[in-house]
Amino acid sequence: EKQVCRSISIRMIRHSESQNNQVYRDARRIFKGGTPEFDLQGWIKYVDDRRSADPGLSAMGEVQAEKLAGYLEPHLRNQASSPVRFVVSPMKRTLLTILPTLTRLNEGSGGEACDVIINGFYHESEGCHTREEVEPGMNAEQINKILELSGVKASYVGFQNGEENGWYSHGDGPETRPESEERAAKFYLWMVEFLDQQLYEAEEQNQEDVFDAGVTLPEEEHERDHDRFGPRTRRRRTAIFVGHGDFMSLVLKRIVAGFGHAVEKESIPHRSAFVHTNTGITELEYFGNGKFLIMSSNQTPHLSGPDDGHLITGGSLKDGWSYLMPNDKFLLDA
């Protein structure tokens, strides 16, 4: 007898290009990063003078966010049940990335199309700081100001000093690498519990949007599996996690390895990592009890037009991803 494999559709999305991303990109060009002529001191001063603790989007990032909304809005309207669940980092760049999508989805819905959770544990590695000085980050009132144009009323979790205070007001310095790894383990456990609760409620209440998507009903035979816009006879429960490149990699490492430990091996931050371009989308299926299936990774279908190539940013080795790899001596000594 075939096992019934009910699942929830998951999207993990990195934010659009931030103003800081642009600062680093410009610094690499100006000071010849990666070449024998690299001016390290010039690079450091340029970045320190321009980097923000919690930046908004660059002009490029604003275009990416609109392109993302142009893809997600028809996809979710036609194939996801309502409300769509969103779990979003409390940082400004993630909020501004998903804001156009929330606004479009909520049009005419009375605010019922989206269920948004701002999770204080889902911020980027290192926390919120300027030149090593801690900044508190935004509180719920300030985040609500950003979201109000969309008609969304968010709920808040993971604000360690309460949602009336900034999401990083508990910090006493930039977050260290071991602290980022530990927080990723905590977020992974929260994520699994959140998704398990969704599955439990669907079964208890006999809700029709959680089902075995591997089974085709007779009335669905005309539907094409890889068509992201065609209307579906059965719309699926969908959760979208909007976060950051490095921290998403830490969470995905735990999803793939199936463990919640703080680190893989003591003192080694990474032996493998996942890269995402700005607004890159990773699709997963969640089957309960920590069981994930990765369907695709770091896709940008919304940036696939003939004139969109310049909009794909932030996902190359020149963007610094290789620095996540420990050197050979580090590995051999461990």
C-alpha atoms as a PDB file:
ATOM      1  CA  GLU A   1       0.000   0.000   0.000  1.00  0.00           C
ATOM      2  CA  LYS A   2       1.359   3.414  -0.972  1.00  0.00           C
ATOM      3  CA  GLN A   3       2.265   5.728   1.873  1.00  0.00           C
ATOM      4  CA  VAL A   4       0.405   9.053   1.889  1.00  0.00           C
ATOM      5  CA  CYS A   5       3.044  11.814   1.844  1.00  0.00           C
ATOM      6  CA  ARG A   6       1.369  15.082   2.790  1.00  0.00           C
ATOM      7  CA  SER A   7       3.616  18.118   2.574  1.00  0.00           C
ATOM      8  CA  ILE A   8       3.821  21.893   2.780  1.00  0.00           C
ATOM      9  CA  SER A   9       5.425  23.919  -0.013  1.00  0.00           C
ATOM     10  CA  ILE A  10       8.359  26.019   1.203  1.00  0.00           C
ATOM     11  CA  ARG A  11      10.286  28.899  -0.367  1.00  0.00           C
ATOM     12  CA  MET A  12      13.472  30.319   1.127  1.00  0.00           C
ATOM     13  CA  ILE A  13      14.318  33.664  -0.489  1.00  0.00           C
ATOM     14  CA  ARG A  14      17.330  35.901  -0.023  1.00  0.00           C
ATOM     15  CA  HIS A  15      16.755  39.658   0.125  1.00  0.00           C
ATOM     16  CA  SER A  16      17.283  42.029  -2.806  1.00  0.00           C
ATOM     17  CA  GLU A  17      20.567  43.850  -3.192  1.00  0.00           C
ATOM     18  CA  SER A  18      21.050  46.124  -0.171  1.00  0.00           C
ATOM     19  CA  GLN A  19      22.825  49.444  -0.001  1.00  0.00           C
ATOM     20  CA  ASN A  20      25.640  47.616   1.817  1.00  0.00           C
ATOM     21  CA  ASN A  21      25.875  45.038  -0.979  1.00  0.00           C
ATOM     22  CA  GLN A  22      26.367  47.914  -3.399  1.00  0.00           C
ATOM     23  CA  VAL A  23      29.029  49.478  -1.141  1.00  0.00           C
ATOM     24  CA  TYR A  24      31.026  46.235  -1.116  1.00  0.00           C
ATOM     25  CA  ARG A  25      30.565  45.773  -4.855  1.00  0.00           C
ATOM     26  CA  ASP A  26      31.779  49.293  -5.569  1.00  0.00           C
ATOM     27  CA  ALA A  27      34.708  48.909  -3.139  1.00  0.00           C
ATOM     28  CA  ARG A  28      35.861  45.747  -4.893  1.00  0.00           C
ATOM     29  CA  ARG A  29      35.881  47.583  -8.222  1.00  0.00           C
ATOM     30  CA  ILE A  30      37.500  50.804  -6.954  1.00  0.00           C
ATOM     31  CA  PHE A  31      40.233  49.140  -4.877  1.00  0.00           C
ATOM     32  CA  LYS A  32      40.862  46.227  -7.252  1.00  0.00           C
ATOM     33  CA  GLY A  33      39.777  43.459  -4.921  1.00  0.00           C
ATOM     34  CA  GLY A  34      41.218  40.044  -5.705  1.00  0.00           C
ATOM     35  CA  THR A  35      44.160  41.417  -7.668  1.00  0.00           C
ATOM     36  CA  PRO A  36      47.845  41.965  -6.737  1.00  0.00           C
ATOM     37  CA  GLU A  37      47.057  45.706  -6.640  1.00  0.00           C
ATOM     38  CA  PHE A  38      44.339  45.304  -3.988  1.00  0.00           C
ATOM     39  CA  ASP A  39      44.355  48.344  -1.679  1.00  0.00           C
ATOM     40  CA  LEU A  40      43.170  46.833   1.629  1.00  0.00           C
ATOM     41  CA  GLN A  41      43.377  50.018   3.693  1.00  0.00           C
ATOM     42  CA  GLY A  42      41.500  52.003   1.066  1.00  0.00           C
ATOM     43  CA  TRP A  43      38.871  49.261   0.886  1.00  0.00           C
ATOM     44  CA  ILE A  44      38.404  49.233   4.684  1.00  0.00           C
ATOM     45  CA  LYS A  45      38.035  53.017   4.939  1.00  0.00           C
ATOM     46  CA  TYR A  46      35.622  53.170   2.001  1.00  0.00           C
ATOM     47  CA  VAL A  47      33.406  50.456   3.504  1.00  0.00           C
ATOM     48  CA  ASP A  48      33.544  51.846   7.066  1.00  0.00           C
ATOM     49  CA  ASP A  49      32.521  55.298   5.827  1.00  0.00           C
ATOM     50  CA  ARG A  50      29.501  53.964   3.918  1.00  0.00           C
ATOM     51  CA  ARG A  51      28.302  50.766   5.583  1.00  0.00           C
ATOM     52  CA  SER A  52      24.983  50.883   7.475  1.00  0.00           C
ATOM     53  CA  ALA A  53      24.044  48.629  10.400  1.00  0.00           C
ATOM     54  CA  ASP A  54      20.595  47.973   8.907  1.00  0.00           C
ATOM     55  CA  PRO A  55      20.555  49.167   5.302  1.00  0.00           C
ATOM     56  CA  GLY A  56      17.693  49.528   2.903  1.00  0.00           C
ATOM     57  CA  LEU A  57      17.794  48.491  -0.738  1.00  0.00           C
ATOM     58  CA  SER A  58      19.979  49.849  -3.493  1.00  0.00           C
ATOM     59  CA  ALA A  59      18.328  51.112  -6.683  1.00  0.00           C
ATOM     60  CA  MET A  60      19.122  47.706  -8.198  1.00  0.00           C
ATOM     61  CA  GLY A  61      17.553  46.010  -5.185  1.00  0.00           C
ATOM     62  CA  GLU A  62      14.318  47.943  -5.588  1.00  0.00           C
ATOM     63  CA  VAL A  63      14.015  46.702  -9.165  1.00  0.00           C
ATOM     64  CA  GLN A  64      14.738  43.128  -8.037  1.00  0.00           C
ATOM     65  CA  ALA A  65      12.011  43.360  -5.376  1.00  0.00           C
ATOM     66  CA  GLU A  66       9.445  44.478  -7.951  1.00  0.00           C
ATOM     67  CA  LYS A  67      10.506  41.708 -10.328  1.00  0.00           C
ATOM     68  CA  LEU A  68      10.170  39.183  -7.491  1.00  0.00           C
ATOM     69  CA  ALA A  69       6.656  40.445  -6.742  1.00  0.00           C
ATOM     70  CA  GLY A  70       5.756  40.170 -10.424  1.00  0.00           C
ATOM     71  CA  TYR A  71       6.630  36.473 -10.222  1.00  0.00           C
ATOM     72  CA  LEU A  72       5.340  35.567  -6.754  1.00  0.00           C
ATOM     73  CA  GLU A  73       1.983  37.344  -6.892  1.00  0.00           C
ATOM     74  CA  PRO A  74       0.445  35.369  -9.814  1.00  0.00           C
ATOM     75  CA  HIS A  75       2.204  32.175  -8.694  1.00  0.00           C
ATOM     76  CA  LEU A  76       0.798  32.369  -5.179  1.00  0.00           C
ATOM     77  CA  ARG A  77      -2.665  33.590  -6.214  1.00  0.00           C
ATOM     78  CA  ASN A  78      -3.081  30.643  -8.564  1.00  0.00           C
ATOM     79  CA  GLN A  79      -1.334  27.845  -6.677  1.00  0.00           C
ATOM     80  CA  ALA A  80      -1.178  28.647  -2.941  1.00  0.00           C
ATOM     81  CA  SER A  81      -3.990  28.533  -0.438  1.00  0.00           C
ATOM     82  CA  SER A  82      -4.870  31.619   1.581  1.00  0.00           C
ATOM     83  CA  PRO A  83      -3.355  32.930   3.724  1.00  0.00           C
ATOM     84  CA  VAL A  84       0.197  32.456   2.511  1.00  0.00           C
ATOM     85  CA  ARG A  85       2.515  32.164   5.522  1.00  0.00           C
ATOM     86  CA  PHE A  86       5.513  34.509   5.522  1.00  0.00           C
ATOM     87  CA  VAL A  87       8.392  34.323   8.017  1.00  0.00           C
ATOM     88  CA  VAL A  88      10.581  37.397   7.599  1.00  0.00           C
ATOM     89  CA  SER A  89      13.817  38.655   9.113  1.00  0.00           C
ATOM     90  CA  PRO A  90      13.403  41.904  11.116  1.00  0.00           C
ATOM     91  CA  MET A  91      16.081  43.657   9.037  1.00  0.00           C
ATOM     92  CA  LYS A  92      15.058  46.488   6.735  1.00  0.00           C
ATOM     93  CA  ARG A  93      16.348  44.922   3.512  1.00  0.00           C
ATOM     94  CA  THR A  94      14.236  41.772   3.897  1.00  0.00           C
ATOM     95  CA  LEU A  95      11.111  43.774   4.759  1.00  0.00           C
ATOM     96  CA  LEU A  96      11.565  46.023   1.726  1.00  0.00           C
ATOM     97  CA  THR A  97      12.263  42.994  -0.471  1.00  0.00           C
ATOM     98  CA  ILE A  98       8.947  41.297   0.290  1.00  0.00           C
ATOM     99  CA  LEU A  99       6.856  44.486   0.694  1.00  0.00           C
ATOM    100  CA  PRO A 100       5.816  44.721  -3.001  1.00  0.00           C
ATOM    101  CA  THR A 101       4.703  41.076  -2.917  1.00  0.00           C
ATOM    102  CA  LEU A 102       2.667  41.573   0.274  1.00  0.00           C
ATOM    103  CA  THR A 103       1.082  44.710  -1.167  1.00  0.00           C
ATOM    104  CA  ARG A 104       0.002  42.996  -4.383  1.00  0.00           C
ATOM    105  CA  LEU A 105      -1.295  39.880  -2.634  1.00  0.00           C
ATOM    106  CA  ASN A 106      -3.324  41.894  -0.127  1.00  0.00           C
ATOM    107  CA  GLU A 107      -5.080  44.041  -2.702  1.00  0.00           C
ATOM    108  CA  GLY A 108      -8.794  43.414  -2.305  1.00  0.00           C
ATOM    109  CA  SER A 109      -8.319  40.799   0.412  1.00  0.00           C
ATOM    110  CA  GLY A 110      -8.907  42.969   3.463  1.00  0.00           C
ATOM    111  CA  GLY A 111      -5.512  41.963   4.769  1.00  0.00           C
ATOM    112  CA  GLU A 112      -6.411  38.264   4.879  1.00  0.00           C
ATOM    113  CA  ALA A 113      -4.148  36.995   2.070  1.00  0.00           C
ATOM    114  CA  CYS A 114      -0.924  37.012   4.087  1.00  0.00           C
ATOM    115  CA  ASP A 115      -0.017  35.758   7.552  1.00  0.00           C
ATOM    116  CA  VAL A 116       3.284  37.437   8.416  1.00  0.00           C
ATOM    117  CA  ILE A 117       5.605  36.549  11.295  1.00  0.00           C
ATOM    118  CA  ILE A 118       8.652  38.716  11.978  1.00  0.00           C
ATOM    119  CA  ASN A 119      11.175  36.384  13.604  1.00  0.00           C
ATOM    120  CA  GLY A 120      13.946  38.064  15.580  1.00  0.00           C
ATOM    121  CA  PHE A 121      16.119  34.934  15.321  1.00  0.00           C
ATOM    122  CA  TYR A 122      16.216  35.127  11.500  1.00  0.00           C
ATOM    123  CA  HIS A 123      18.504  38.148  11.110  1.00  0.00           C
ATOM    124  CA  GLU A 124      21.812  38.039   9.257  1.00  0.00           C
ATOM    125  CA  SER A 125      25.014  36.782  10.857  1.00  0.00           C
ATOM    126  CA  GLU A 126      26.938  39.331  12.965  1.00  0.00           C
ATOM    127  CA  GLY A 127      23.788  41.134  14.113  1.00  0.00           C
ATOM    128  CA  CYS A 128      23.357  44.906  13.968  1.00  0.00           C
ATOM    129  CA  HIS A 129      26.394  47.136  14.470  1.00  0.00           C
ATOM    130  CA  THR A 130      28.362  50.060  13.062  1.00  0.00           C
ATOM    131  CA  ARG A 131      32.151  49.942  13.489  1.00  0.00           C
ATOM    132  CA  GLU A 132      31.752  47.295  16.202  1.00  0.00           C
ATOM    133  CA  GLU A 133      29.218  49.469  18.106  1.00  0.00           C
ATOM    134  CA  VAL A 134      25.911  47.695  18.706  1.00  0.00           C
ATOM    135  CA  GLU A 135      22.711  49.208  17.355  1.00  0.00           C
ATOM    136  CA  PRO A 136      19.351  47.927  18.658  1.00  0.00           C
ATOM    137  CA  GLY A 137      17.642  47.368  15.314  1.00  0.00           C
ATOM    138  CA  MET A 138      13.988  48.159  14.727  1.00  0.00           C
ATOM    139  CA  ASN A 139      11.183  47.384  17.146  1.00  0.00           C
ATOM    140  CA  ALA A 140       7.682  46.229  16.214  1.00  0.00           C
ATOM    141  CA  GLU A 141       6.302  49.750  15.901  1.00  0.00           C
ATOM    142  CA  GLN A 142       9.025  50.754  13.451  1.00  0.00           C
ATOM    143  CA  ILE A 143       8.586  47.574  11.414  1.00  0.00           C
ATOM    144  CA  ASN A 144       4.819  48.086  11.299  1.00  0.00           C
ATOM    145  CA  LYS A 145       5.468  51.528   9.786  1.00  0.00           C
ATOM    146  CA  ILE A 146       7.286  49.872   6.878  1.00  0.00           C
ATOM    147  CA  LEU A 147       4.578  47.243   6.417  1.00  0.00           C
ATOM    148  CA  GLU A 148       1.531  49.504   6.765  1.00  0.00           C
ATOM    149  CA  LEU A 149       1.345  50.334   3.046  1.00  0.00           C
ATOM    150  CA  SER A 150       0.817  46.623   2.342  1.00  0.00           C
ATOM    151  CA  GLY A 151      -2.127  46.344   4.729  1.00  0.00           C
ATOM    152  CA  VAL A 152      -0.336  43.568   6.631  1.00  0.00           C
ATOM    153  CA  LYS A 153      -0.456  43.283  10.411  1.00  0.00           C
ATOM    154  CA  ALA A 154       2.481  41.158  11.474  1.00  0.00           C
ATOM    155  CA  SER A 155       3.047  39.110  14.599  1.00  0.00           C
ATOM    156  CA  TYR A 156       6.407  38.959  16.350  1.00  0.00           C
ATOM    157  CA  VAL A 157       8.573  36.231  17.853  1.00  0.00           C
ATOM    158  CA  GLY A 158      12.213  36.049  18.919  1.00  0.00           C
ATOM    159  CA  PHE A 159      12.595  39.641  20.140  1.00  0.00           C
ATOM    160  CA  GLN A 160      14.655  38.788  23.191  1.00  0.00           C
ATOM    161  CA  ASN A 161      13.998  42.072  25.036  1.00  0.00           C
ATOM    162  CA  GLY A 162      10.385  42.247  23.944  1.00  0.00           C
ATOM    163  CA  GLU A 163       8.919  43.533  20.688  1.00  0.00           C
ATOM    164  CA  GLU A 164       8.731  47.078  22.084  1.00  0.00           C
ATOM    165  CA  ASN A 165      12.544  47.094  21.911  1.00  0.00           C
ATOM    166  CA  GLY A 166      14.813  46.564  18.920  1.00  0.00           C
ATOM    167  CA  TRP A 167      15.404  43.017  17.734  1.00  0.00           C
ATOM    168  CA  TYR A 168      19.146  43.314  18.570  1.00  0.00           C
ATOM    169  CA  SER A 169      18.812  45.380  21.745  1.00  0.00           C
ATOM    170  CA  HIS A 170      20.063  42.358  23.708  1.00  0.00           C
ATOM    171  CA  GLY A 171      23.387  42.329  21.833  1.00  0.00           C
ATOM    172  CA  ASP A 172      26.634  43.287  23.553  1.00  0.00           C
ATOM    173  CA  GLY A 173      28.758  43.300  20.392  1.00  0.00           C
ATOM    174  CA  PRO A 174      28.832  41.944  16.849  1.00  0.00           C
ATOM    175  CA  GLU A 175      27.639  38.348  16.799  1.00  0.00           C
ATOM    176  CA  THR A 176      30.530  35.861  16.646  1.00  0.00           C
ATOM    177  CA  ARG A 177      30.626  32.917  14.254  1.00  0.00           C
ATOM    178  CA  PRO A 178      29.883  30.338  16.983  1.00  0.00           C
ATOM    179  CA  GLU A 179      26.947  32.497  18.126  1.00  0.00           C
ATOM    180  CA  SER A 180      25.585  32.603  14.562  1.00  0.00           C
ATOM    181  CA  GLU A 181      25.850  28.806  14.334  1.00  0.00           C
ATOM    182  CA  GLU A 182      24.057  28.395  17.671  1.00  0.00           C
ATOM    183  CA  ARG A 183      21.277  30.747  16.593  1.00  0.00           C
ATOM    184  CA  ALA A 184      20.901  28.841  13.304  1.00  0.00           C
ATOM    185  CA  ALA A 185      20.372  25.662  15.300  1.00  0.00           C
ATOM    186  CA  LYS A 186      17.690  27.391  17.387  1.00  0.00           C
ATOM    187  CA  PHE A 187      15.979  28.811  14.315  1.00  0.00           C
ATOM    188  CA  TYR A 188      16.032  25.411  12.619  1.00  0.00           C
ATOM    189  CA  LEU A 189      14.216  23.907  15.614  1.00  0.00           C
ATOM    190  CA  TRP A 190      11.695  26.764  15.624  1.00  0.00           C
ATOM    191  CA  MET A 191      11.135  26.313  11.887  1.00  0.00           C
ATOM    192  CA  VAL A 192      10.452  22.590  12.270  1.00  0.00           C
ATOM    193  CA  GLU A 193       8.053  23.184  15.170  1.00  0.00           C
ATOM    194  CA  PHE A 194       6.240  25.899  13.207  1.00  0.00           C
ATOM    195  CA  LEU A 195       5.814  23.649  10.167  1.00  0.00           C
ATOM    196  CA  ASP A 196       4.852  20.611  12.264  1.00  0.00           C
ATOM    197  CA  GLN A 197       2.128  22.722  13.884  1.00  0.00           C
ATOM    198  CA  GLN A 198       0.828  23.590  10.419  1.00  0.00           C
ATOM    199  CA  LEU A 199       0.638  19.893   9.515  1.00  0.00           C
ATOM    200  CA  TYR A 200      -1.002  18.993  12.829  1.00  0.00           C
ATOM    201  CA  GLU A 201      -3.672  21.692  12.524  1.00  0.00           C
ATOM    202  CA  ALA A 202      -4.428  20.711   8.935  1.00  0.00           C
ATOM    203  CA  GLU A 203      -4.959  17.078   9.937  1.00  0.00           C
ATOM    204  CA  GLU A 204      -6.961  17.858  13.070  1.00  0.00           C
ATOM    205  CA  GLN A 205      -9.247  20.290  11.245  1.00  0.00           C
ATOM    206  CA  ASN A 206      -9.379  18.228   8.040  1.00  0.00           C
ATOM    207  CA  GLN A 207      -8.155  21.184   5.985  1.00  0.00           C
ATOM    208  CA  GLU A 208      -7.879  20.531   2.272  1.00  0.00           C
ATOM    209  CA  ASP A 209      -4.745  22.541   1.460  1.00  0.00           C
ATOM    210  CA  VAL A 210      -2.320  19.961   2.901  1.00  0.00           C
ATOM    211  CA  PHE A 211      -2.305  16.794   0.827  1.00  0.00           C
ATOM    212  CA  ASP A 212      -0.080  14.360  -1.053  1.00  0.00           C
ATOM    213  CA  ALA A 213       0.977  16.513  -4.015  1.00  0.00           C
ATOM    214  CA  GLY A 214       2.544  13.480  -5.655  1.00  0.00           C
ATOM    215  CA  VAL A 215      -0.930  12.124  -6.460  1.00  0.00           C
ATOM    216  CA  THR A 216      -2.788  13.452  -9.498  1.00  0.00           C
ATOM    217  CA  LEU A 217      -6.583  13.495  -9.372  1.00  0.00           C
ATOM    218  CA  PRO A 218      -8.522  12.969 -12.639  1.00  0.00           C
ATOM    219  CA  GLU A 219      -9.538  16.631 -12.745  1.00  0.00           C
ATOM    220  CA  GLU A 220      -5.867  17.637 -12.456  1.00  0.00           C
ATOM    221  CA  GLU A 221      -4.500  15.704 -15.417  1.00  0.00           C
ATOM    222  CA  HIS A 222      -4.296  18.862 -17.555  1.00  0.00           C
ATOM    223  CA  GLU A 223      -2.046  20.626 -15.028  1.00  0.00           C
ATOM    224  CA  ARG A 224       1.698  20.799 -15.703  1.00  0.00           C
ATOM    225  CA  ASP A 225       3.912  20.265 -12.665  1.00  0.00           C
ATOM    226  CA  HIS A 226       6.514  22.866 -13.629  1.00  0.00           C
ATOM    227  CA  ASP A 227       4.034  25.562 -14.637  1.00  0.00           C
ATOM    228  CA  ARG A 228       4.362  28.149 -11.863  1.00  0.00           C
ATOM    229  CA  PHE A 229       1.430  30.323 -12.987  1.00  0.00           C
ATOM    230  CA  GLY A 230      -1.383  28.035 -14.134  1.00  0.00           C
ATOM    231  CA  PRO A 231      -4.379  27.781 -11.797  1.00  0.00           C
ATOM    232  CA  ARG A 232      -4.457  24.659  -9.615  1.00  0.00           C
ATOM    233  CA  THR A 233      -7.544  22.631  -8.796  1.00  0.00           C
ATOM    234  CA  ARG A 234      -6.143  22.169  -5.293  1.00  0.00           C
ATOM    235  CA  ARG A 235      -4.176  25.069  -3.881  1.00  0.00           C
ATOM    236  CA  ARG A 236      -1.408  24.190  -1.465  1.00  0.00           C
ATOM    237  CA  ARG A 237      -0.389  25.486   1.927  1.00  0.00           C
ATOM    238  CA  THR A 238       2.741  27.537   1.350  1.00  0.00           C
ATOM    239  CA  ALA A 239       5.318  29.100   3.675  1.00  0.00           C
ATOM    240  CA  ILE A 240       7.861  31.662   2.501  1.00  0.00           C
ATOM    241  CA  PHE A 241      10.981  32.468   4.532  1.00  0.00           C
ATOM    242  CA  VAL A 242      12.644  35.759   3.581  1.00  0.00           C
ATOM    243  CA  GLY A 243      16.166  36.026   4.948  1.00  0.00           C
ATOM    244  CA  HIS A 244      19.878  36.530   4.317  1.00  0.00           C
ATOM    245  CA  GLY A 245      22.517  34.734   2.295  1.00  0.00           C
ATOM    246  CA  ASP A 246      24.897  33.632   5.027  1.00  0.00           C
ATOM    247  CA  PHE A 247      22.318  32.768   7.676  1.00  0.00           C
ATOM    248  CA  MET A 248      20.163  30.920   5.141  1.00  0.00           C
ATOM    249  CA  SER A 249      23.235  28.817   4.378  1.00  0.00           C
ATOM    250  CA  LEU A 250      23.603  27.938   8.062  1.00  0.00           C
ATOM    251  CA  VAL A 251      19.944  26.919   8.279  1.00  0.00           C
ATOM    252  CA  LEU A 252      20.050  24.919   5.031  1.00  0.00           C
ATOM    253  CA  LYS A 253      23.113  23.062   6.273  1.00  0.00           C
ATOM    254  CA  ARG A 254      21.014  21.812   9.174  1.00  0.00           C
ATOM    255  CA  ILE A 255      18.087  20.960   6.920  1.00  0.00           C
ATOM    256  CA  VAL A 256      20.289  18.880   4.616  1.00  0.00           C
ATOM    257  CA  ALA A 257      22.305  17.201   7.360  1.00  0.00           C
ATOM    258  CA  GLY A 258      19.233  16.576   9.501  1.00  0.00           C
ATOM    259  CA  PHE A 259      20.771  17.804  12.739  1.00  0.00           C
ATOM    260  CA  GLY A 260      20.204  20.676  15.124  1.00  0.00           C
ATOM    261  CA  HIS A 261      23.685  20.860  16.634  1.00  0.00           C
ATOM    262  CA  ALA A 262      25.290  24.273  17.018  1.00  0.00           C
ATOM    263  CA  VAL A 263      28.326  23.334  14.900  1.00  0.00           C
ATOM    264  CA  GLU A 264      29.311  20.414  12.667  1.00  0.00           C
ATOM    265  CA  LYS A 265      32.740  20.136  14.215  1.00  0.00           C
ATOM    266  CA  GLU A 266      34.179  22.211  17.037  1.00  0.00           C
ATOM    267  CA  SER A 267      35.978  25.366  15.774  1.00  0.00           C
ATOM    268  CA  ILE A 268      35.133  24.723  12.095  1.00  0.00           C
ATOM    269  CA  PRO A 269      32.457  27.185  10.873  1.00  0.00           C
ATOM    270  CA  HIS A 270      31.757  25.497   7.515  1.00  0.00           C
ATOM    271  CA  ARG A 271      32.707  22.422   5.577  1.00  0.00           C
ATOM    272  CA  SER A 272      29.945  23.095   3.079  1.00  0.00           C
ATOM    273  CA  ALA A 273      27.759  26.101   2.373  1.00  0.00           C
ATOM    274  CA  PHE A 274      24.922  27.272   0.115  1.00  0.00           C
ATOM    275  CA  VAL A 275      25.095  30.324  -2.131  1.00  0.00           C
ATOM    276  CA  HIS A 276      22.155  32.562  -3.017  1.00  0.00           C
ATOM    277  CA  THR A 277      22.063  35.511  -5.361  1.00  0.00           C
ATOM    278  CA  ASN A 278      19.942  38.473  -4.355  1.00  0.00           C
ATOM    279  CA  THR A 279      16.292  37.293  -4.473  1.00  0.00           C
ATOM    280  CA  GLY A 280      17.487  33.738  -5.183  1.00  0.00           C
ATOM    281  CA  ILE A 281      14.767  31.192  -4.366  1.00  0.00           C
ATOM    282  CA  THR A 282      15.242  27.708  -2.932  1.00  0.00           C
ATOM    283  CA  GLU A 283      12.177  25.462  -3.066  1.00  0.00           C
ATOM    284  CA  LEU A 284      11.582  22.705  -0.529  1.00  0.00           C
ATOM    285  CA  GLU A 285       8.850  20.333   0.528  1.00  0.00           C
ATOM    286  CA  TYR A 286       8.256  19.640   4.216  1.00  0.00           C
ATOM    287  CA  PHE A 287       6.790  16.272   5.243  1.00  0.00           C
ATOM    288  CA  GLY A 288       6.904  16.613   9.026  1.00  0.00           C
ATOM    289  CA  ASN A 289       9.259  15.589  11.828  1.00  0.00           C
ATOM    290  CA  GLY A 290      12.240  17.360  10.261  1.00  0.00           C
ATOM    291  CA  LYS A 291      11.880  15.695   6.847  1.00  0.00           C
ATOM    292  CA  PHE A 292      12.669  18.084   3.989  1.00  0.00           C
ATOM    293  CA  LEU A 293      13.035  17.528   0.266  1.00  0.00           C
ATOM    294  CA  ILE A 294      14.997  20.179  -1.648  1.00  0.00           C
ATOM    295  CA  MET A 295      13.337  20.643  -5.031  1.00  0.00           C
ATOM    296  CA  SER A 296      15.579  23.394  -6.422  1.00  0.00           C
ATOM    297  CA  SER A 297      18.179  25.830  -5.145  1.00  0.00           C
ATOM    298  CA  ASN A 298      18.998  29.488  -5.821  1.00  0.00           C
ATOM    299  CA  GLN A 299      16.643  29.968  -8.758  1.00  0.00           C
ATOM    300  CA  THR A 300      15.772  33.405 -10.198  1.00  0.00           C
ATOM    301  CA  PRO A 301      12.926  32.807 -12.691  1.00  0.00           C
ATOM    302  CA  HIS A 302      11.847  36.433 -12.188  1.00  0.00           C
ATOM    303  CA  LEU A 303      15.205  37.617 -13.572  1.00  0.00           C
ATOM    304  CA  SER A 304      15.273  35.429 -16.661  1.00  0.00           C
ATOM    305  CA  GLY A 305      14.200  37.951 -19.292  1.00  0.00           C
ATOM    306  CA  PRO A 306      16.505  38.805 -22.197  1.00  0.00           C
ATOM    307  CA  ASP A 307      17.348  42.183 -20.627  1.00  0.00           C
ATOM    308  CA  ASP A 308      17.566  41.013 -17.006  1.00  0.00           C
ATOM    309  CA  GLY A 309      21.089  39.589 -16.847  1.00  0.00           C
ATOM    310  CA  HIS A 310      22.492  42.676 -15.113  1.00  0.00           C
ATOM    311  CA  LEU A 311      19.923  42.247 -12.323  1.00  0.00           C
ATOM    312  CA  ILE A 312      21.466  38.995 -11.091  1.00  0.00           C
ATOM    313  CA  THR A 313      23.780  40.083  -8.283  1.00  0.00           C
ATOM    314  CA  GLY A 314      25.437  38.824  -5.139  1.00  0.00           C
ATOM    315  CA  GLY A 315      26.000  35.150  -5.903  1.00  0.00           C
ATOM    316  CA  SER A 316      29.491  34.830  -7.336  1.00  0.00           C
ATOM    317  CA  LEU A 317      32.884  34.020  -5.842  1.00  0.00           C
ATOM    318  CA  LYS A 318      33.771  37.667  -6.377  1.00  0.00           C
ATOM    319  CA  ASP A 319      31.042  38.511  -3.873  1.00  0.00           C
ATOM    320  CA  GLY A 320      33.082  36.862  -1.125  1.00  0.00           C
ATOM    321  CA  TRP A 321      31.431  33.463  -0.752  1.00  0.00           C
ATOM    322  CA  SER A 322      34.749  31.624  -0.903  1.00  0.00           C
ATOM    323  CA  TYR A 323      35.705  33.156   2.454  1.00  0.00           C
ATOM    324  CA  LEU A 324      33.241  30.761   4.094  1.00  0.00           C
ATOM    325  CA  MET A 325      35.582  27.861   3.381  1.00  0.00           C
ATOM    326  CA  PRO A 326      38.120  26.961   6.116  1.00  0.00           C
ATOM    327  CA  ASN A 327      41.662  26.576   4.797  1.00  0.00           C
ATOM    328  CA  ASP A 328      43.310  23.170   4.401  1.00  0.00           C
ATOM    329  CA  LYS A 329      45.521  23.569   7.464  1.00  0.00           C
ATOM    330  CA  PHE A 330      42.461  24.332   9.568  1.00  0.00           C
ATOM    331  CA  LEU A 331      40.783  21.151   8.348  1.00  0.00           C
ATOM    332  CA  LEU A 332      43.886  18.984   8.813  1.00  0.00           C
ATOM    333  CA  ASP A 333      44.514  20.242  12.334  1.00  0.00           C
ATOM    334  CA  ALA A 334      40.928  19.691  13.486  1.00  0.00           C
END
